């Protein structure tokens, strides 16, 4: 069974969200400092992929949830960058 473009983008988003902490973990191990910026950017990218998938599949619940996640991570990213 072949995956269509919408399904592939959904799976890419899932992978980004599931592995989004790896850059922060590597940085923490190498420098001893925590920098969540890479984690937030990957979360926003993954949620954007999820959002694309939920809009294409007409899934209102996930569309609303993804928008909330994108806004929340964007606010957090802005707060970190403006610090």
Protein backbone atom coordinates (compact mmCIF):
# COMPACT_ATOMS: atom_id res chain seq x y z
CA UNK A 1 0.00 0.00 0.00
CA UNK A 2 1.56 3.28 -1.12
CA UNK A 3 1.27 6.40 0.99
CA UNK A 4 -0.11 9.57 -0.57
CA UNK A 5 1.53 12.99 -0.17
CA UNK A 6 -0.74 14.02 2.71
CA UNK A 7 0.01 10.84 4.68
CA UNK A 8 3.76 11.21 4.09
CA UNK A 9 3.71 14.81 5.35
CA UNK A 10 1.77 13.67 8.42
CA UNK A 11 4.35 10.98 9.16
CA UNK A 12 7.21 13.47 8.63
CA UNK A 13 5.57 15.78 11.16
CA UNK A 14 5.17 12.94 13.62
CA UNK A 15 8.85 12.02 13.27
CA UNK A 16 9.94 15.63 13.84
CA UNK A 17 7.86 15.89 16.99
CA UNK A 18 8.92 12.52 18.34
CA UNK A 19 12.63 13.29 17.89
CA UNK A 20 12.56 17.04 18.59
CA UNK A 21 14.45 16.79 21.86
CA UNK A 22 17.56 15.21 20.33
CA UNK A 23 19.30 18.53 19.43
CA UNK A 24 18.70 19.91 22.94
CA UNK A 25 19.97 16.70 24.52
CA UNK A 26 23.14 16.74 22.39
CA UNK A 27 23.78 20.40 23.19
CA UNK A 28 23.22 19.81 26.90
CA UNK A 29 25.64 16.88 26.88
CA UNK A 30 28.31 18.81 24.95
CA UNK A 31 28.09 22.18 26.70
CA UNK A 32 26.20 21.59 29.92
CA UNK A 33 23.75 24.32 28.88
CA UNK A 34 20.15 23.94 27.83
CA UNK A 35 19.01 25.73 24.67
CA UNK A 36 15.42 24.80 23.78
CA UNK A 37 15.37 26.89 20.58
CA UNK A 38 16.08 23.91 18.29
CA UNK A 39 13.43 21.90 20.12
CA UNK A 40 10.85 24.65 19.69
CA UNK A 41 11.66 25.13 15.99
CA UNK A 42 11.34 21.39 15.33
CA UNK A 43 8.09 21.33 17.30
CA UNK A 44 6.69 24.19 15.22
CA UNK A 45 7.81 22.49 11.99
CA UNK A 46 6.32 19.17 13.04
CA UNK A 47 3.07 20.77 14.17
CA UNK A 48 2.90 22.58 10.82
CA UNK A 49 3.15 19.23 9.05
CA UNK A 50 0.46 17.83 11.34
CA UNK A 51 -1.66 20.91 10.61
CA UNK A 52 -1.31 20.38 6.85
CA UNK A 53 -2.36 16.76 7.29
CA UNK A 54 -5.33 17.61 9.52
CA UNK A 55 -6.61 20.31 7.14
CA UNK A 56 -6.28 17.99 4.11
CA UNK A 57 -8.11 15.19 5.95
CA UNK A 58 -10.72 17.61 7.35
CA UNK A 59 -9.98 16.73 10.98
CA UNK A 60 -11.20 19.72 12.97
CA UNK A 61 -10.02 18.47 16.36
CA UNK A 62 -6.41 18.05 15.25
CA UNK A 63 -6.51 21.28 13.26
CA UNK A 64 -7.49 23.25 16.36
CA UNK A 65 -4.96 21.40 18.52
CA UNK A 66 -2.15 21.96 16.05
CA UNK A 67 -2.92 25.67 15.78
CA UNK A 68 -2.86 25.96 19.57
CA UNK A 69 0.48 24.10 19.66
CA UNK A 70 2.00 26.30 16.95
CA UNK A 71 0.89 29.49 18.69
CA UNK A 72 2.13 28.27 22.09
CA UNK A 73 5.53 27.22 20.77
CA UNK A 74 5.85 30.46 18.79
CA UNK A 75 5.15 32.52 21.91
CA UNK A 76 7.70 30.48 23.87
CA UNK A 77 10.26 30.85 21.07
CA UNK A 78 9.67 34.61 20.98
CA UNK A 79 10.10 34.86 24.74
CA UNK A 80 13.38 32.95 24.60
CA UNK A 81 14.72 35.00 21.68
CA UNK A 82 13.76 38.33 23.27
CA UNK A 83 15.27 37.38 26.62
